[in-house]
């Protein structure tokens, strides 16, 4: 995460970067098994109840979905409940292993940071 924050907000200290960033999980309810599958109905209900409300607190801000297609799908399901989500959603590789170990991960984070800075009106 530190690398991604530095790419996104290169001029700030870690404290400043964290003050300007909202970090959340995509499934904010208790899962039966850590890292295991969760029923689609539970994902939908939990997403609408918790994640959509968080995202609606930050209108117009870029949303970077880090991780597997599972995390990205969970965020995309909220498009009807979160104003402008489709336009501000950016996908990137996971910040932790095993995904973060893929050589393509760093490039995806750099691309996400560039897009997010553009959305925020900051130079790339």
C-alpha atoms as a PDB file:
ATOM      1  CA  UNK A   1       0.000   0.000   0.000  1.00  0.00           C
ATOM      2  CA  UNK A   2       2.875   2.340   0.743  1.00  0.00           C
ATOM      3  CA  UNK A   3       4.078   2.103  -2.855  1.00  0.00           C
ATOM      4  CA  UNK A   4       0.599   2.820  -4.205  1.00  0.00           C
ATOM      5  CA  UNK A   5       0.163   5.814  -1.892  1.00  0.00           C
ATOM      6  CA  UNK A   6       3.533   7.188  -2.982  1.00  0.00           C
ATOM      7  CA  UNK A   7       2.545   6.823  -6.638  1.00  0.00           C
ATOM      8  CA  UNK A   8      -0.793   8.515  -6.043  1.00  0.00           C
ATOM      9  CA  UNK A   9       0.339  11.335  -3.736  1.00  0.00           C
ATOM     10  CA  UNK A  10       4.109  11.627  -4.281  1.00  0.00           C
ATOM     11  CA  UNK A  11       4.636  14.967  -2.530  1.00  0.00           C
ATOM     12  CA  UNK A  12       3.165  14.027   0.851  1.00  0.00           C
ATOM     13  CA  UNK A  13       4.465  12.250   3.903  1.00  0.00           C
ATOM     14  CA  UNK A  14       2.861   8.927   4.811  1.00  0.00           C
ATOM     15  CA  UNK A  15       0.684  10.708   7.404  1.00  0.00           C
ATOM     16  CA  UNK A  16      -0.513  13.200   4.781  1.00  0.00           C
ATOM     17  CA  UNK A  17      -1.135  10.448   2.243  1.00  0.00           C
ATOM     18  CA  UNK A  18      -3.210   8.476   4.748  1.00  0.00           C
ATOM     19  CA  UNK A  19      -5.219  11.563   5.736  1.00  0.00           C
ATOM     20  CA  UNK A  20      -6.162  12.036   2.083  1.00  0.00           C
ATOM     21  CA  UNK A  21      -7.039   8.396   1.366  1.00  0.00           C
ATOM     22  CA  UNK A  22     -10.016   6.213   2.262  1.00  0.00           C
ATOM     23  CA  UNK A  23      -9.078   2.521   2.449  1.00  0.00           C
ATOM     24  CA  UNK A  24     -11.775  -0.116   2.774  1.00  0.00           C
ATOM     25  CA  UNK A  25     -12.501  -3.763   2.147  1.00  0.00           C
ATOM     26  CA  UNK A  26     -15.086  -4.664  -0.492  1.00  0.00           C
ATOM     27  CA  UNK A  27     -16.917  -7.069   1.816  1.00  0.00           C
ATOM     28  CA  UNK A  28     -17.597  -5.362   5.138  1.00  0.00           C
ATOM     29  CA  UNK A  29     -19.500  -8.216   6.782  1.00  0.00           C
ATOM     30  CA  UNK A  30     -18.255 -11.334   8.510  1.00  0.00           C
ATOM     31  CA  UNK A  31     -17.374 -14.060   6.039  1.00  0.00           C
ATOM     32  CA  UNK A  32     -17.897 -17.722   6.951  1.00  0.00           C
ATOM     33  CA  UNK A  33     -14.246 -18.461   6.068  1.00  0.00           C
ATOM     34  CA  UNK A  34     -11.455 -15.902   5.695  1.00  0.00           C
ATOM     35  CA  UNK A  35     -10.645 -15.583   2.001  1.00  0.00           C
ATOM     36  CA  UNK A  36     -13.382 -18.059   1.133  1.00  0.00           C
ATOM     37  CA  UNK A  37     -16.374 -17.569  -1.090  1.00  0.00           C
ATOM     38  CA  UNK A  38     -19.366 -15.567   0.058  1.00  0.00           C
ATOM     39  CA  UNK A  39     -22.908 -16.060  -1.287  1.00  0.00           C
ATOM     40  CA  UNK A  40     -23.836 -13.480  -3.938  1.00  0.00           C
ATOM     41  CA  UNK A  41     -26.893 -12.430  -1.943  1.00  0.00           C
ATOM     42  CA  UNK A  42     -24.726 -11.649   1.066  1.00  0.00           C
ATOM     43  CA  UNK A  43     -22.303  -9.661  -1.098  1.00  0.00           C
ATOM     44  CA  UNK A  44     -25.181  -7.609  -2.522  1.00  0.00           C
ATOM     45  CA  UNK A  45     -26.836  -6.950   0.824  1.00  0.00           C
ATOM     46  CA  UNK A  46     -23.602  -6.115   2.602  1.00  0.00           C
ATOM     47  CA  UNK A  47     -22.359  -3.955  -0.279  1.00  0.00           C
ATOM     48  CA  UNK A  48     -25.550  -1.903  -0.364  1.00  0.00           C
ATOM     49  CA  UNK A  49     -25.640  -1.550   3.397  1.00  0.00           C
ATOM     50  CA  UNK A  50     -22.000  -0.603   4.010  1.00  0.00           C
ATOM     51  CA  UNK A  51     -19.660  -0.152   1.039  1.00  0.00           C
ATOM     52  CA  UNK A  52     -22.091   1.895  -1.081  1.00  0.00           C
ATOM     53  CA  UNK A  53     -22.648   4.238   1.849  1.00  0.00           C
ATOM     54  CA  UNK A  54     -18.898   4.753   2.248  1.00  0.00           C
ATOM     55  CA  UNK A  55     -18.440   5.433  -1.458  1.00  0.00           C
ATOM     56  CA  UNK A  56     -21.339   7.895  -1.458  1.00  0.00           C
ATOM     57  CA  UNK A  57     -19.513   9.930   1.200  1.00  0.00           C
ATOM     58  CA  UNK A  58     -16.845  10.718  -1.399  1.00  0.00           C
ATOM     59  CA  UNK A  59     -18.709  11.883  -4.514  1.00  0.00           C
ATOM     60  CA  UNK A  60     -16.576  12.541  -7.564  1.00  0.00           C
ATOM     61  CA  UNK A  61     -13.471  10.978  -6.045  1.00  0.00           C
ATOM     62  CA  UNK A  62     -11.576   8.240  -7.851  1.00  0.00           C
ATOM     63  CA  UNK A  63     -12.152   4.718  -6.560  1.00  0.00           C
ATOM     64  CA  UNK A  64      -9.264   2.302  -7.081  1.00  0.00           C
ATOM     65  CA  UNK A  65     -10.345  -1.326  -6.759  1.00  0.00           C
ATOM     66  CA  UNK A  66      -7.221  -3.281  -5.852  1.00  0.00           C
ATOM     67  CA  UNK A  67      -7.193  -6.992  -6.255  1.00  0.00           C
ATOM     68  CA  UNK A  68      -8.731  -9.891  -7.953  1.00  0.00           C
ATOM     69  CA  UNK A  69     -11.683  -9.746 -10.213  1.00  0.00           C
ATOM     70  CA  UNK A  70     -13.714 -10.697  -7.125  1.00  0.00           C
ATOM     71  CA  UNK A  71     -13.027  -7.347  -5.449  1.00  0.00           C
ATOM     72  CA  UNK A  72     -13.566  -5.453  -8.682  1.00  0.00           C
ATOM     73  CA  UNK A  73     -16.886  -7.229  -9.347  1.00  0.00           C
ATOM     74  CA  UNK A  74     -18.084  -6.380  -5.854  1.00  0.00           C
ATOM     75  CA  UNK A  75     -17.467  -2.681  -6.418  1.00  0.00           C
ATOM     76  CA  UNK A  76     -19.004  -2.726  -9.906  1.00  0.00           C
ATOM     77  CA  UNK A  77     -22.218  -4.242  -8.500  1.00  0.00           C
ATOM     78  CA  UNK A  78     -22.778  -0.980  -6.653  1.00  0.00           C
ATOM     79  CA  UNK A  79     -22.944   1.177  -9.801  1.00  0.00           C
ATOM     80  CA  UNK A  80     -26.686   1.805  -9.406  1.00  0.00           C
ATOM     81  CA  UNK A  81     -26.320   2.740  -5.739  1.00  0.00           C
ATOM     82  CA  UNK A  82     -23.269   5.018  -6.055  1.00  0.00           C
ATOM     83  CA  UNK A  83     -23.496   8.148  -8.211  1.00  0.00           C
ATOM     84  CA  UNK A  84     -20.909   8.267 -10.994  1.00  0.00           C
ATOM     85  CA  UNK A  85     -19.122   5.121  -9.866  1.00  0.00           C
ATOM     86  CA  UNK A  86     -18.590   3.701 -13.364  1.00  0.00           C
ATOM     87  CA  UNK A  87     -16.774   6.865 -14.475  1.00  0.00           C
ATOM     88  CA  UNK A  88     -14.493   7.026 -11.450  1.00  0.00           C
ATOM     89  CA  UNK A  89     -13.713   3.342 -10.924  1.00  0.00           C
ATOM     90  CA  UNK A  90     -10.136   2.242 -11.638  1.00  0.00           C
ATOM     91  CA  UNK A  91      -9.011  -1.403 -11.498  1.00  0.00           C
ATOM     92  CA  UNK A  92      -5.490  -2.400 -10.440  1.00  0.00           C
ATOM     93  CA  UNK A  93      -3.619  -5.458  -9.188  1.00  0.00           C
ATOM     94  CA  UNK A  94      -3.705  -6.437  -5.510  1.00  0.00           C
ATOM     95  CA  UNK A  95      -1.440  -4.653  -3.049  1.00  0.00           C
ATOM     96  CA  UNK A  96      -0.522  -7.887  -1.291  1.00  0.00           C
ATOM     97  CA  UNK A  97       0.793 -11.263  -2.464  1.00  0.00           C
ATOM     98  CA  UNK A  98       0.279 -13.274  -4.474  1.00  0.00           C
ATOM     99  CA  UNK A  99      -1.068 -10.619  -6.894  1.00  0.00           C
ATOM    100  CA  UNK A 100       1.426  -7.966  -5.832  1.00  0.00           C
ATOM    101  CA  UNK A 101       4.270 -10.288  -6.828  1.00  0.00           C
ATOM    102  CA  UNK A 102       3.201 -10.301 -10.469  1.00  0.00           C
ATOM    103  CA  UNK A 103       5.452  -8.118 -12.656  1.00  0.00           C
ATOM    104  CA  UNK A 104       2.319  -6.450 -14.112  1.00  0.00           C
ATOM    105  CA  UNK A 105       1.200  -5.237 -10.676  1.00  0.00           C
ATOM    106  CA  UNK A 106       3.546  -2.234 -10.489  1.00  0.00           C
ATOM    107  CA  UNK A 107       2.475  -1.005 -13.935  1.00  0.00           C
ATOM    108  CA  UNK A 108      -1.208  -1.337 -12.975  1.00  0.00           C
ATOM    109  CA  UNK A 109      -0.587   0.776  -9.841  1.00  0.00           C
ATOM    110  CA  UNK A 110       1.268   3.412 -11.860  1.00  0.00           C
ATOM    111  CA  UNK A 111      -1.572   3.555 -14.399  1.00  0.00           C
ATOM    112  CA  UNK A 112      -4.168   3.764 -11.615  1.00  0.00           C
ATOM    113  CA  UNK A 113      -2.270   6.613  -9.934  1.00  0.00           C
ATOM    114  CA  UNK A 114      -2.036   8.552 -13.194  1.00  0.00           C
ATOM    115  CA  UNK A 115      -5.772   8.166 -13.863  1.00  0.00           C
ATOM    116  CA  UNK A 116      -6.677   9.079 -10.281  1.00  0.00           C
ATOM    117  CA  UNK A 117      -4.481  12.196 -10.325  1.00  0.00           C
ATOM    118  CA  UNK A 118      -6.085  13.231 -13.625  1.00  0.00           C
ATOM    119  CA  UNK A 119      -9.541  12.833 -12.075  1.00  0.00           C
ATOM    120  CA  UNK A 120      -8.454  14.977  -9.128  1.00  0.00           C
ATOM    121  CA  UNK A 121      -7.055  17.637 -11.461  1.00  0.00           C
ATOM    122  CA  UNK A 122      -3.430  17.007 -10.479  1.00  0.00           C
ATOM    123  CA  UNK A 123      -0.589  16.592 -12.942  1.00  0.00           C
ATOM    124  CA  UNK A 124       0.643  13.083 -13.753  1.00  0.00           C
END
